[in-house]
Amino acid sequence: MEPDRLPAGRLKVPAALAACWPCRRPGPVLAAAAYVLAETLRRTALKGTELEATQAGTIRLKLFKVAAGVITSVRRVVLHLSSAYQLAELFARVLTRVRALASLDGLAPRRVPYALQPAPS
């Protein structure tokens, strides 16, 4: 077995997928996708905020790597942010801007079924 090749039989991965480069090494592909997401957020949803001029790593650290309780149901995702999270207002503002941008492009449903709520005490 080659070191860069996924074993198609053991992982139940089709042979065509086991041979493709992104399937063998998903790390660089996911890192590039995260960078593009952070840069797009910086240019659109973070305009006029304190994170507008920051690097992608800082955006990732302050907005994506957030400790939160996540409760999901069929139609709703609820985030329970910690009361100690200092950027909760900015997080809510960015989420509102992303919702607005998604609805302009026709990507979001008319009623967005997720909300931010304080963590239960």
PDB file of N, CA and C in Angstrom:
ATOM      1  N   MET A   1       0.841  -1.179   0.000  1.00  0.00           N
ATOM      2  CA  MET A   1       0.000   0.000   0.000  1.00  0.00           C
ATOM      3  C   MET A   1       0.888   1.244   0.000  1.00  0.00           C
ATOM      4  N   GLU A   2       0.555   2.187  -0.866  1.00  0.00           N
ATOM      5  CA  GLU A   2       1.303   3.449  -0.914  1.00  0.00           C
ATOM      6  C   GLU A   2       0.990   4.261   0.339  1.00  0.00           C
ATOM      7  N   PRO A   3       1.938   5.041   0.849  1.00  0.00           N
ATOM      8  CA  PRO A   3       1.674   5.802   2.071  1.00  0.00           C
ATOM      9  C   PRO A   3       0.638   6.896   1.895  1.00  0.00           C
ATOM     10  N   ASP A   4       0.456   7.425   0.677  1.00  0.00           N
ATOM     11  CA  ASP A   4      -0.482   8.510   0.457  1.00  0.00           C
ATOM     12  C   ASP A   4      -1.842   8.029  -0.019  1.00  0.00           C
ATOM     13  N   ARG A   5      -2.037   6.752  -0.080  1.00  0.00           N
ATOM     14  CA  ARG A   5      -3.263   6.226  -0.661  1.00  0.00           C
ATOM     15  C   ARG A   5      -4.157   5.651   0.431  1.00  0.00           C
ATOM     16  N   LEU A   6      -5.449   5.982   0.369  1.00  0.00           N
ATOM     17  CA  LEU A   6      -6.407   5.417   1.307  1.00  0.00           C
ATOM     18  C   LEU A   6      -6.704   3.975   0.922  1.00  0.00           C
ATOM     19  N   PRO A   7      -6.832   3.092   1.890  1.00  0.00           N
ATOM     20  CA  PRO A   7      -7.232   1.730   1.553  1.00  0.00           C
ATOM     21  C   PRO A   7      -8.718   1.697   1.217  1.00  0.00           C
ATOM     22  N   ALA A   8      -9.040   1.433  -0.022  1.00  0.00           N
ATOM     23  CA  ALA A   8     -10.427   1.509  -0.481  1.00  0.00           C
ATOM     24  C   ALA A   8     -11.291   0.458   0.185  1.00  0.00           C
ATOM     25  N   GLY A   9     -10.788  -0.722   0.406  1.00  0.00           N
ATOM     26  CA  GLY A   9     -11.599  -1.793   0.949  1.00  0.00           C
ATOM     27  C   GLY A   9     -11.931  -1.626   2.420  1.00  0.00           C
ATOM     28  N   ARG A  10     -10.951  -1.260   3.237  1.00  0.00           N
ATOM     29  CA  ARG A  10     -11.181  -1.179   4.679  1.00  0.00           C
ATOM     30  C   ARG A  10     -12.080  -0.022   5.076  1.00  0.00           C
ATOM     31  N   LEU A  11     -11.954   1.121   4.438  1.00  0.00           N
ATOM     32  CA  LEU A  11     -12.735   2.296   4.814  1.00  0.00           C
ATOM     33  C   LEU A  11     -14.032   2.415   4.038  1.00  0.00           C
ATOM     34  N   LYS A  12     -14.299   1.477   3.166  1.00  0.00           N
ATOM     35  CA  LYS A  12     -15.502   1.497   2.337  1.00  0.00           C
ATOM     36  C   LYS A  12     -15.571   2.774   1.511  1.00  0.00           C
ATOM     37  N   VAL A  13     -14.440   3.171   0.972  1.00  0.00           N
ATOM     38  CA  VAL A  13     -14.334   4.333   0.089  1.00  0.00           C
ATOM     39  C   VAL A  13     -14.230   3.796  -1.333  1.00  0.00           C
ATOM     40  N   PRO A  14     -15.008   4.330  -2.273  1.00  0.00           N
ATOM     41  CA  PRO A  14     -14.879   3.864  -3.648  1.00  0.00           C
ATOM     42  C   PRO A  14     -13.450   4.066  -4.159  1.00  0.00           C
ATOM     43  N   ALA A  15     -13.019   3.186  -5.034  1.00  0.00           N
ATOM     44  CA  ALA A  15     -11.647   3.235  -5.537  1.00  0.00           C
ATOM     45  C   ALA A  15     -11.329   4.553  -6.226  1.00  0.00           C
ATOM     46  N   ALA A  16     -12.310   5.140  -6.919  1.00  0.00           N
ATOM     47  CA  ALA A  16     -12.075   6.421  -7.596  1.00  0.00           C
ATOM     48  C   ALA A  16     -11.796   7.522  -6.577  1.00  0.00           C
ATOM     49  N   LEU A  17     -12.487   7.500  -5.451  1.00  0.00           N
ATOM     50  CA  LEU A  17     -12.246   8.512  -4.418  1.00  0.00           C
ATOM     51  C   LEU A  17     -10.936   8.255  -3.687  1.00  0.00           C
ATOM     52  N   ALA A  18     -10.584   6.997  -3.501  1.00  0.00           N
ATOM     53  CA  ALA A  18      -9.349   6.674  -2.792  1.00  0.00           C
ATOM     54  C   ALA A  18      -8.126   7.135  -3.571  1.00  0.00           C
ATOM     55  N   ALA A  19      -8.259   7.278  -4.892  1.00  0.00           N
ATOM     56  CA  ALA A  19      -7.122   7.664  -5.714  1.00  0.00           C
ATOM     57  C   ALA A  19      -7.004   9.176  -5.897  1.00  0.00           C
ATOM     58  N   CYS A  20      -8.027   9.943  -5.564  1.00  0.00           N
ATOM     59  CA  CYS A  20      -7.964  11.386  -5.839  1.00  0.00           C
ATOM     60  C   CYS A  20      -7.157  12.109  -4.766  1.00  0.00           C
ATOM     61  N   TRP A  21      -6.480  13.180  -5.153  1.00  0.00           N
ATOM     62  CA  TRP A  21      -5.579  13.886  -4.246  1.00  0.00           C
ATOM     63  C   TRP A  21      -6.290  14.507  -3.044  1.00  0.00           C
ATOM     64  N   PRO A  22      -7.412  15.245  -3.219  1.00  0.00           N
ATOM     65  CA  PRO A  22      -8.042  15.850  -2.037  1.00  0.00           C
ATOM     66  C   PRO A  22      -8.544  14.821  -1.032  1.00  0.00           C
ATOM     67  N   CYS A  23      -8.870  13.630  -1.491  1.00  0.00           N
ATOM     68  CA  CYS A  23      -9.320  12.593  -0.561  1.00  0.00           C
ATOM     69  C   CYS A  23      -8.157  12.024   0.238  1.00  0.00           C
ATOM     70  N   ARG A  24      -6.981  11.980  -0.368  1.00  0.00           N
ATOM     71  CA  ARG A  24      -5.814  11.462   0.345  1.00  0.00           C
ATOM     72  C   ARG A  24      -5.292  12.469   1.349  1.00  0.00           C
ATOM     73  N   ARG A  25      -5.335  13.733   0.991  1.00  0.00           N
ATOM     74  CA  ARG A  25      -4.806  14.792   1.854  1.00  0.00           C
ATOM     75  C   ARG A  25      -5.835  15.920   1.966  1.00  0.00           C
ATOM     76  N   PRO A  26      -6.850  15.751   2.833  1.00  0.00           N
ATOM     77  CA  PRO A  26      -7.894  16.775   2.925  1.00  0.00           C
ATOM     78  C   PRO A  26      -7.453  18.022   3.685  1.00  0.00           C
ATOM     79  N   GLY A  27      -6.362  17.951   4.433  1.00  0.00           N
ATOM     80  CA  GLY A  27      -5.924  19.096   5.236  1.00  0.00           C
ATOM     81  C   GLY A  27      -5.696  20.368   4.443  1.00  0.00           C
ATOM     82  N   PRO A  28      -4.877  20.350   3.384  1.00  0.00           N
ATOM     83  CA  PRO A  28      -4.663  21.577   2.617  1.00  0.00           C
ATOM     84  C   PRO A  28      -5.930  22.110   1.952  1.00  0.00           C
ATOM     85  N   VAL A  29      -6.794  21.218   1.532  1.00  0.00           N
ATOM     86  CA  VAL A  29      -8.042  21.656   0.898  1.00  0.00           C
ATOM     87  C   VAL A  29      -8.936  22.347   1.920  1.00  0.00           C
ATOM     88  N   LEU A  30      -9.057  21.759   3.116  1.00  0.00           N
ATOM     89  CA  LEU A  30      -9.881  22.367   4.164  1.00  0.00           C
ATOM     90  C   LEU A  30      -9.271  23.673   4.667  1.00  0.00           C
ATOM     91  N   ALA A  31      -7.949  23.738   4.751  1.00  0.00           N
ATOM     92  CA  ALA A  31      -7.291  24.980   5.179  1.00  0.00           C
ATOM     93  C   ALA A  31      -7.529  26.091   4.161  1.00  0.00           C
ATOM     94  N   ALA A  32      -7.468  25.761   2.880  1.00  0.00           N
ATOM     95  CA  ALA A  32      -7.729  26.764   1.846  1.00  0.00           C
ATOM     96  C   ALA A  32      -9.174  27.225   1.893  1.00  0.00           C
ATOM     97  N   ALA A  33     -10.102  26.305   2.130  1.00  0.00           N
ATOM     98  CA  ALA A  33     -11.519  26.685   2.223  1.00  0.00           C
ATOM     99  C   ALA A  33     -11.764  27.582   3.428  1.00  0.00           C
ATOM    100  N   ALA A  34     -11.116  27.281   4.565  1.00  0.00           N
ATOM    101  CA  ALA A  34     -11.270  28.120   5.757  1.00  0.00           C
ATOM    102  C   ALA A  34     -10.694  29.514   5.520  1.00  0.00           C
ATOM    103  N   TYR A  35      -9.570  29.603   4.817  1.00  0.00           N
ATOM    104  CA  TYR A  35      -8.968  30.900   4.522  1.00  0.00           C
ATOM    105  C   TYR A  35      -9.882  31.730   3.617  1.00  0.00           C
ATOM    106  N   VAL A  36     -10.438  31.101   2.601  1.00  0.00           N
ATOM    107  CA  VAL A  36     -11.344  31.821   1.686  1.00  0.00           C
ATOM    108  C   VAL A  36     -12.585  32.290   2.442  1.00  0.00           C
ATOM    109  N   LEU A  37     -13.118  31.452   3.337  1.00  0.00           N
ATOM    110  CA  LEU A  37     -14.274  31.849   4.135  1.00  0.00           C
ATOM    111  C   LEU A  37     -13.947  33.039   5.028  1.00  0.00           C
ATOM    112  N   ALA A  38     -12.799  33.002   5.707  1.00  0.00           N
ATOM    113  CA  ALA A  38     -12.414  34.105   6.593  1.00  0.00           C
ATOM    114  C   ALA A  38     -12.188  35.391   5.807  1.00  0.00           C
ATOM    115  N   GLU A  39     -11.561  35.304   4.655  1.00  0.00           N
ATOM    116  CA  GLU A  39     -11.329  36.496   3.844  1.00  0.00           C
ATOM    117  C   GLU A  39     -12.638  37.072   3.299  1.00  0.00           C
ATOM    118  N   THR A  40     -13.548  36.202   2.895  1.00  0.00           N
ATOM    119  CA  THR A  40     -14.843  36.675   2.413  1.00  0.00           C
ATOM    120  C   THR A  40     -15.626  37.332   3.538  1.00  0.00           C
ATOM    121  N   LEU A  41     -15.584  36.758   4.719  1.00  0.00           N
ATOM    122  CA  LEU A  41     -16.240  37.381   5.876  1.00  0.00           C
ATOM    123  C   LEU A  41     -15.624  38.743   6.173  1.00  0.00           C
ATOM    124  N   ARG A  42     -14.308  38.814   6.104  1.00  0.00           N
ATOM    125  CA  ARG A  42     -13.633  40.077   6.408  1.00  0.00           C
ATOM    126  C   ARG A  42     -14.048  41.173   5.433  1.00  0.00           C
ATOM    127  N   ARG A  43     -14.157  40.814   4.146  1.00  0.00           N
ATOM    128  CA  ARG A  43     -14.518  41.813   3.134  1.00  0.00           C
ATOM    129  C   ARG A  43     -15.984  42.209   3.188  1.00  0.00           C
ATOM    130  N   THR A  44     -16.859  41.327   3.635  1.00  0.00           N
ATOM    131  CA  THR A  44     -18.293  41.607   3.571  1.00  0.00           C
ATOM    132  C   THR A  44     -18.895  41.859   4.949  1.00  0.00           C
ATOM    133  N   ALA A  45     -18.938  40.857   5.794  1.00  0.00           N
ATOM    134  CA  ALA A  45     -19.658  40.959   7.063  1.00  0.00           C
ATOM    135  C   ALA A  45     -18.894  41.706   8.146  1.00  0.00           C
ATOM    136  N   LEU A  46     -17.579  41.793   8.050  1.00  0.00           N
ATOM    137  CA  LEU A  46     -16.797  42.467   9.085  1.00  0.00           C
ATOM    138  C   LEU A  46     -16.456  43.911   8.729  1.00  0.00           C
ATOM    139  N   LYS A  47     -17.014  44.404   7.642  1.00  0.00           N
ATOM    140  CA  LYS A  47     -16.732  45.779   7.233  1.00  0.00           C
ATOM    141  C   LYS A  47     -17.263  46.759   8.286  1.00  0.00           C
ATOM    142  N   GLY A  48     -16.388  47.641   8.740  1.00  0.00           N
ATOM    143  CA  GLY A  48     -16.775  48.633   9.738  1.00  0.00           C
ATOM    144  C   GLY A  48     -16.690  48.138  11.173  1.00  0.00           C
ATOM    145  N   THR A  49     -16.115  46.970  11.401  1.00  0.00           N
ATOM    146  CA  THR A  49     -15.967  46.443  12.759  1.00  0.00           C
ATOM    147  C   THR A  49     -14.495  46.444  13.147  1.00  0.00           C
ATOM    148  N   GLU A  50     -14.223  46.058  14.377  1.00  0.00           N
ATOM    149  CA  GLU A  50     -12.834  46.042  14.835  1.00  0.00           C
ATOM    150  C   GLU A  50     -12.010  44.923  14.208  1.00  0.00           C
ATOM    151  N   LEU A  51     -12.657  43.948  13.595  1.00  0.00           N
ATOM    152  CA  LEU A  51     -11.938  42.851  12.954  1.00  0.00           C
ATOM    153  C   LEU A  51     -11.793  43.038  11.450  1.00  0.00           C
ATOM    154  N   GLU A  52     -12.123  44.203  10.940  1.00  0.00           N
ATOM    155  CA  GLU A  52     -12.068  44.444   9.498  1.00  0.00           C
ATOM    156  C   GLU A  52     -10.652  44.332   8.937  1.00  0.00           C
ATOM    157  N   ALA A  53      -9.661  44.782   9.680  1.00  0.00           N
ATOM    158  CA  ALA A  53      -8.293  44.808   9.163  1.00  0.00           C
ATOM    159  C   ALA A  53      -7.434  43.674   9.705  1.00  0.00           C
ATOM    160  N   THR A  54      -8.050  42.676  10.319  1.00  0.00           N
ATOM    161  CA  THR A  54      -7.274  41.592  10.907  1.00  0.00           C
ATOM    162  C   THR A  54      -6.977  40.493   9.891  1.00  0.00           C
ATOM    163  N   GLN A  55      -6.074  39.613  10.259  1.00  0.00           N
ATOM    164  CA  GLN A  55      -5.708  38.498   9.400  1.00  0.00           C
ATOM    165  C   GLN A  55      -6.719  37.360   9.561  1.00  0.00           C
ATOM    166  N   ALA A  56      -6.674  36.424   8.627  1.00  0.00           N
ATOM    167  CA  ALA A  56      -7.614  35.304   8.639  1.00  0.00           C
ATOM    168  C   ALA A  56      -7.477  34.477   9.919  1.00  0.00           C
ATOM    169  N   GLY A  57      -6.263  34.320  10.423  1.00  0.00           N
ATOM    170  CA  GLY A  57      -6.062  33.553  11.647  1.00  0.00           C
ATOM    171  C   GLY A  57      -6.709  34.193  12.864  1.00  0.00           C
ATOM    172  N   THR A  58      -6.690  35.513  12.915  1.00  0.00           N
ATOM    173  CA  THR A  58      -7.327  36.224  14.023  1.00  0.00           C
ATOM    174  C   THR A  58      -8.843  36.090  13.945  1.00  0.00           C
ATOM    175  N   ILE A  59      -9.389  36.173  12.752  1.00  0.00           N
ATOM    176  CA  ILE A  59     -10.832  35.991  12.576  1.00  0.00           C
ATOM    177  C   ILE A  59     -11.229  34.587  13.005  1.00  0.00           C
ATOM    178  N   ARG A  60     -10.439  33.620  12.617  1.00  0.00           N
ATOM    179  CA  ARG A  60     -10.694  32.222  12.993  1.00  0.00           C
ATOM    180  C   ARG A  60     -10.661  32.068  14.505  1.00  0.00           C
ATOM    181  N   LEU A  61      -9.696  32.685  15.139  1.00  0.00           N
ATOM    182  CA  LEU A  61      -9.536  32.557  16.579  1.00  0.00           C
ATOM    183  C   LEU A  61     -10.675  33.231  17.342  1.00  0.00           C
ATOM    184  N   LYS A  62     -11.098  34.408  16.889  1.00  0.00           N
ATOM    185  CA  LYS A  62     -12.073  35.184  17.647  1.00  0.00           C
ATOM    186  C   LYS A  62     -13.528  34.883  17.294  1.00  0.00           C
ATOM    187  N   LEU A  63     -13.792  34.418  16.074  1.00  0.00           N
ATOM    188  CA  LEU A  63     -15.177  34.163  15.681  1.00  0.00           C
ATOM    189  C   LEU A  63     -15.518  32.688  15.502  1.00  0.00           C
ATOM    190  N   PHE A  64     -14.572  31.893  15.031  1.00  0.00           N
ATOM    191  CA  PHE A  64     -14.889  30.491  14.746  1.00  0.00           C
ATOM    192  C   PHE A  64     -14.594  29.572  15.922  1.00  0.00           C
ATOM    193  N   LYS A  65     -13.509  29.826  16.632  1.00  0.00           N
ATOM    194  CA  LYS A  65     -13.127  28.960  17.754  1.00  0.00           C
ATOM    195  C   LYS A  65     -13.771  29.492  19.031  1.00  0.00           C
ATOM    196  N   VAL A  66     -15.064  29.340  19.109  1.00  0.00           N
ATOM    197  CA  VAL A  66     -15.837  29.876  20.220  1.00  0.00           C
ATOM    198  C   VAL A  66     -16.463  28.706  20.970  1.00  0.00           C
ATOM    199  N   ALA A  67     -16.318  28.706  22.284  1.00  0.00           N
ATOM    200  CA  ALA A  67     -16.963  27.682  23.086  1.00  0.00           C
ATOM    201  C   ALA A  67     -18.435  28.035  23.207  1.00  0.00           C
ATOM    202  N   ALA A  68     -19.277  27.153  22.751  1.00  0.00           N
ATOM    203  CA  ALA A  68     -20.714  27.391  22.797  1.00  0.00           C
ATOM    204  C   ALA A  68     -21.434  26.066  22.909  1.00  0.00           C
ATOM    205  N   GLY A  69     -22.560  26.111  23.586  1.00  0.00           N
ATOM    206  CA  GLY A  69     -23.428  24.942  23.598  1.00  0.00           C
ATOM    207  C   GLY A  69     -24.277  24.976  22.339  1.00  0.00           C
ATOM    208  N   VAL A  70     -24.327  23.855  21.640  1.00  0.00           N
ATOM    209  CA  VAL A  70     -25.091  23.791  20.400  1.00  0.00           C
ATOM    210  C   VAL A  70     -26.225  22.795  20.585  1.00  0.00           C
ATOM    211  N   ILE A  71     -27.440  23.279  20.409  1.00  0.00           N
ATOM    212  CA  ILE A  71     -28.612  22.425  20.511  1.00  0.00           C
ATOM    213  C   ILE A  71     -29.284  22.424  19.149  1.00  0.00           C
ATOM    214  N   THR A  72     -29.481  21.241  18.596  1.00  0.00           N
ATOM    215  CA  THR A  72     -30.082  21.127  17.277  1.00  0.00           C
ATOM    216  C   THR A  72     -31.393  20.362  17.368  1.00  0.00           C
ATOM    217  N   SER A  73     -32.294  20.741  16.503  1.00  0.00           N
ATOM    218  CA  SER A  73     -33.527  19.997  16.305  1.00  0.00           C
ATOM    219  C   SER A  73     -33.727  19.894  14.801  1.00  0.00           C
ATOM    220  N   VAL A  74     -34.881  19.470  14.403  1.00  0.00           N
ATOM    221  CA  VAL A  74     -35.124  19.285  12.974  1.00  0.00           C
ATOM    222  C   VAL A  74     -35.036  20.609  12.223  1.00  0.00           C
ATOM    223  N   ARG A  75     -35.577  21.669  12.807  1.00  0.00           N
ATOM    224  CA  ARG A  75     -35.654  22.946  12.091  1.00  0.00           C
ATOM    225  C   ARG A  75     -34.820  24.058  12.693  1.00  0.00           C
ATOM    226  N   ARG A  76     -34.112  23.817  13.753  1.00  0.00           N
ATOM    227  CA  ARG A  76     -33.469  24.922  14.459  1.00  0.00           C
ATOM    228  C   ARG A  76     -32.100  24.524  14.994  1.00  0.00           C
ATOM    229  N   VAL A  77     -31.190  25.482  14.966  1.00  0.00           N
ATOM    230  CA  VAL A  77     -29.888  25.340  15.615  1.00  0.00           C
ATOM    231  C   VAL A  77     -29.764  26.506  16.585  1.00  0.00           C
ATOM    232  N   VAL A  78     -29.582  26.206  17.864  1.00  0.00           N
ATOM    233  CA  VAL A  78     -29.479  27.246  18.886  1.00  0.00           C
ATOM    234  C   VAL A  78     -28.070  27.219  19.452  1.00  0.00           C
ATOM    235  N   LEU A  79     -27.425  28.371  19.467  1.00  0.00           N
ATOM    236  CA  LEU A  79     -26.096  28.512  20.059  1.00  0.00           C
ATOM    237  C   LEU A  79     -26.227  29.176  21.421  1.00  0.00           C
ATOM    238  N   HIS A  80     -25.724  28.533  22.449  1.00  0.00           N
ATOM    239  CA  HIS A  80     -25.677  29.116  23.783  1.00  0.00           C
ATOM    240  C   HIS A  80     -24.257  29.606  24.004  1.00  0.00           C
ATOM    241  N   LEU A  81     -24.041  30.901  23.802  1.00  0.00           N
ATOM    242  CA  LEU A  81     -22.712  31.490  23.993  1.00  0.00           C
ATOM    243  C   LEU A  81     -22.471  31.745  25.474  1.00  0.00           C
ATOM    244  N   SER A  82     -21.224  31.665  25.870  1.00  0.00           N
ATOM    245  CA  SER A  82     -20.845  31.936  27.243  1.00  0.00           C
ATOM    246  C   SER A  82     -21.044  33.418  27.556  1.00  0.00           C
ATOM    247  N   SER A  83     -21.421  33.706  28.783  1.00  0.00           N
ATOM    248  CA  SER A  83     -21.579  35.112  29.176  1.00  0.00           C
ATOM    249  C   SER A  83     -20.228  35.816  29.253  1.00  0.00           C
ATOM    250  N   ALA A  84     -19.134  35.061  29.320  1.00  0.00           N
ATOM    251  CA  ALA A  84     -17.796  35.644  29.375  1.00  0.00           C
ATOM    252  C   ALA A  84     -17.231  35.945  27.983  1.00  0.00           C
ATOM    253  N   TYR A  85     -17.932  35.544  26.929  1.00  0.00           N
ATOM    254  CA  TYR A  85     -17.448  35.782  25.562  1.00  0.00           C
ATOM    255  C   TYR A  85     -17.554  37.267  25.253  1.00  0.00           C
ATOM    256  N   GLN A  86     -16.433  37.914  25.068  1.00  0.00           N
ATOM    257  CA  GLN A  86     -16.394  39.367  24.930  1.00  0.00           C
ATOM    258  C   GLN A  86     -16.900  39.865  23.586  1.00  0.00           C
ATOM    259  N   LEU A  87     -16.880  39.031  22.571  1.00  0.00           N
ATOM    260  CA  LEU A  87     -17.291  39.467  21.236  1.00  0.00           C
ATOM    261  C   LEU A  87     -18.683  38.957  20.856  1.00  0.00           C
ATOM    262  N   ALA A  88     -19.545  38.728  21.853  1.00  0.00           N
ATOM    263  CA  ALA A  88     -20.882  38.190  21.574  1.00  0.00           C
ATOM    264  C   ALA A  88     -21.697  39.147  20.708  1.00  0.00           C
ATOM    265  N   GLU A  89     -21.606  40.449  20.979  1.00  0.00           N
ATOM    266  CA  GLU A  89     -22.356  41.422  20.174  1.00  0.00           C
ATOM    267  C   GLU A  89     -21.840  41.449  18.739  1.00  0.00           C
ATOM    268  N   LEU A  90     -20.528  41.405  18.568  1.00  0.00           N
ATOM    269  CA  LEU A  90     -19.947  41.367  17.228  1.00  0.00           C
ATOM    270  C   LEU A  90     -20.342  40.079  16.516  1.00  0.00           C
ATOM    271  N   PHE A  91     -20.332  38.955  17.226  1.00  0.00           N
ATOM    272  CA  PHE A  91     -20.741  37.679  16.647  1.00  0.00           C
ATOM    273  C   PHE A  91     -22.185  37.764  16.144  1.00  0.00           C
ATOM    274  N   ALA A  92     -23.072  38.338  16.950  1.00  0.00           N
ATOM    275  CA  ALA A  92     -24.477  38.482  16.550  1.00  0.00           C
ATOM    276  C   ALA A  92     -24.606  39.413  15.347  1.00  0.00           C
ATOM    277  N   ARG A  93     -23.837  40.500  15.320  1.00  0.00           N
ATOM    278  CA  ARG A  93     -23.880  41.439  14.200  1.00  0.00           C
ATOM    279  C   ARG A  93     -23.389  40.788  12.906  1.00  0.00           C
ATOM    280  N   VAL A  94     -22.296  40.016  12.999  1.00  0.00           N
ATOM    281  CA  VAL A  94     -21.765  39.317  11.823  1.00  0.00           C
ATOM    282  C   VAL A  94     -22.768  38.276  11.342  1.00  0.00           C
ATOM    283  N   LEU A  95     -23.390  37.556  12.262  1.00  0.00           N
ATOM    284  CA  LEU A  95     -24.390  36.559  11.889  1.00  0.00           C
ATOM    285  C   LEU A  95     -25.575  37.218  11.180  1.00  0.00           C
ATOM    286  N   THR A  96     -26.002  38.374  11.656  1.00  0.00           N
ATOM    287  CA  THR A  96     -27.095  39.103  11.008  1.00  0.00           C
ATOM    288  C   THR A  96     -26.700  39.543   9.603  1.00  0.00           C
ATOM    289  N   ARG A  97     -25.469  40.015   9.444  1.00  0.00           N
ATOM    290  CA  ARG A  97     -25.012  40.433   8.114  1.00  0.00           C
ATOM    291  C   ARG A  97     -24.891  39.257   7.155  1.00  0.00           C
ATOM    292  N   VAL A  98     -24.429  38.123   7.659  1.00  0.00           N
ATOM    293  CA  VAL A  98     -24.327  36.932   6.810  1.00  0.00           C
ATOM    294  C   VAL A  98     -25.716  36.468   6.392  1.00  0.00           C
ATOM    295  N   ARG A  99     -26.670  36.508   7.319  1.00  0.00           N
ATOM    296  CA  ARG A  99     -28.062  36.166   6.968  1.00  0.00           C
ATOM    297  C   ARG A  99     -28.581  37.084   5.874  1.00  0.00           C
ATOM    298  N   ALA A 100     -28.322  38.386   6.012  1.00  0.00           N
ATOM    299  CA  ALA A 100     -28.802  39.349   5.015  1.00  0.00           C
ATOM    300  C   ALA A 100     -28.158  39.099   3.656  1.00  0.00           C
ATOM    301  N   LEU A 101     -26.858  38.825   3.646  1.00  0.00           N
ATOM    302  CA  LEU A 101     -26.175  38.542   2.383  1.00  0.00           C
ATOM    303  C   LEU A 101     -26.698  37.263   1.745  1.00  0.00           C
ATOM    304  N   ALA A 102     -26.972  36.262   2.551  1.00  0.00           N
ATOM    305  CA  ALA A 102     -27.483  35.004   2.019  1.00  0.00           C
ATOM    306  C   ALA A 102     -28.880  35.180   1.452  1.00  0.00           C
ATOM    307  N   SER A 103     -29.702  36.009   2.085  1.00  0.00           N
ATOM    308  CA  SER A 103     -31.061  36.211   1.571  1.00  0.00           C
ATOM    309  C   SER A 103     -31.047  37.042   0.290  1.00  0.00           C
ATOM    310  N   LEU A 104     -30.062  37.935   0.128  1.00  0.00           N
ATOM    311  CA  LEU A 104     -29.958  38.701  -1.115  1.00  0.00           C
ATOM    312  C   LEU A 104     -29.617  37.802  -2.295  1.00  0.00           C
ATOM    313  N   ASP A 105     -28.811  36.781  -2.037  1.00  0.00           N
ATOM    314  CA  ASP A 105     -28.416  35.852  -3.090  1.00  0.00           C
ATOM    315  C   ASP A 105     -29.425  34.741  -3.305  1.00  0.00           C
ATOM    316  N   GLY A 106     -30.456  34.697  -2.472  1.00  0.00           N
ATOM    317  CA  GLY A 106     -31.443  33.638  -2.585  1.00  0.00           C
ATOM    318  C   GLY A 106     -30.954  32.322  -2.016  1.00  0.00           C
ATOM    319  N   LEU A 107     -29.920  32.354  -1.167  1.00  0.00           N
ATOM    320  CA  LEU A 107     -29.359  31.122  -0.618  1.00  0.00           C
ATOM    321  C   LEU A 107     -30.030  30.704   0.679  1.00  0.00           C
ATOM    322  N   ALA A 108     -30.633  31.641   1.376  1.00  0.00           N
ATOM    323  CA  ALA A 108     -31.206  31.338   2.674  1.00  0.00           C
ATOM    324  C   ALA A 108     -32.725  31.238   2.577  1.00  0.00           C
ATOM    325  N   PRO A 109     -33.325  30.456   3.463  1.00  0.00           N
ATOM    326  CA  PRO A 109     -34.786  30.445   3.508  1.00  0.00           C
ATOM    327  C   PRO A 109     -35.304  31.794   3.983  1.00  0.00           C
ATOM    328  N   ARG A 110     -36.550  32.059   3.759  1.00  0.00           N
ATOM    329  CA  ARG A 110     -37.111  33.360   4.160  1.00  0.00           C
ATOM    330  C   ARG A 110     -37.035  33.560   5.667  1.00  0.00           C
ATOM    331  N   ARG A 111     -37.299  32.535   6.413  1.00  0.00           N
ATOM    332  CA  ARG A 111     -37.221  32.621   7.869  1.00  0.00           C
ATOM    333  C   ARG A 111     -36.030  31.783   8.309  1.00  0.00           C
ATOM    334  N   VAL A 112     -35.018  32.412   8.868  1.00  0.00           N
ATOM    335  CA  VAL A 112     -33.818  31.692   9.281  1.00  0.00           C
ATOM    336  C   VAL A 112     -34.066  31.104  10.666  1.00  0.00           C
ATOM    337  N   PRO A 113     -34.023  29.766  10.798  1.00  0.00           N
ATOM    338  CA  PRO A 113     -34.434  29.140  12.053  1.00  0.00           C
ATOM    339  C   PRO A 113     -33.330  28.917  13.069  1.00  0.00           C
ATOM    340  N   TYR A 114     -32.429  29.878  13.253  1.00  0.00           N
ATOM    341  CA  TYR A 114     -31.451  29.727  14.318  1.00  0.00           C
ATOM    342  C   TYR A 114     -31.330  31.028  15.072  1.00  0.00           C
ATOM    343  N   ALA A 115     -30.944  30.922  16.312  1.00  0.00           N
ATOM    344  CA  ALA A 115     -30.921  32.104  17.164  1.00  0.00           C
ATOM    345  C   ALA A 115     -29.764  32.005  18.148  1.00  0.00           C
ATOM    346  N   LEU A 116     -29.382  33.135  18.679  1.00  0.00           N
ATOM    347  CA  LEU A 116     -28.378  33.198  19.734  1.00  0.00           C
ATOM    348  C   LEU A 116     -29.109  33.406  21.056  1.00  0.00           C
ATOM    349  N   GLN A 117     -28.779  32.613  22.037  1.00  0.00           N
ATOM    350  CA  GLN A 117     -29.384  32.754  23.352  1.00  0.00           C
ATOM    351  C   GLN A 117     -28.292  32.691  24.402  1.00  0.00           C
ATOM    352  N   PRO A 118     -28.494  33.380  25.511  1.00  0.00           N
ATOM    353  CA  PRO A 118     -27.481  33.281  26.569  1.00  0.00           C
ATOM    354  C   PRO A 118     -27.439  31.873  27.131  1.00  0.00           C
ATOM    355  N   ALA A 119     -26.269  31.475  27.598  1.00  0.00           N
ATOM    356  CA  ALA A 119     -26.107  30.142  28.164  1.00  0.00           C
ATOM    357  C   ALA A 119     -26.942  30.015  29.450  1.00  0.00           C
ATOM    358  N   PRO A 120     -27.547  28.856  29.653  1.00  0.00           N
ATOM    359  CA  PRO A 120     -28.321  28.687  30.899  1.00  0.00           C
ATOM    360  C   PRO A 120     -27.388  28.699  32.098  1.00  0.00           C
ATOM    361  N   SER A 121     -27.847  29.313  33.156  1.00  0.00           N
ATOM    362  CA  SER A 121     -27.013  29.440  34.371  1.00  0.00           C
ATOM    363  C   SER A 121     -27.024  28.195  35.197  1.00  0.00           C
TER     364      SER A 121
END
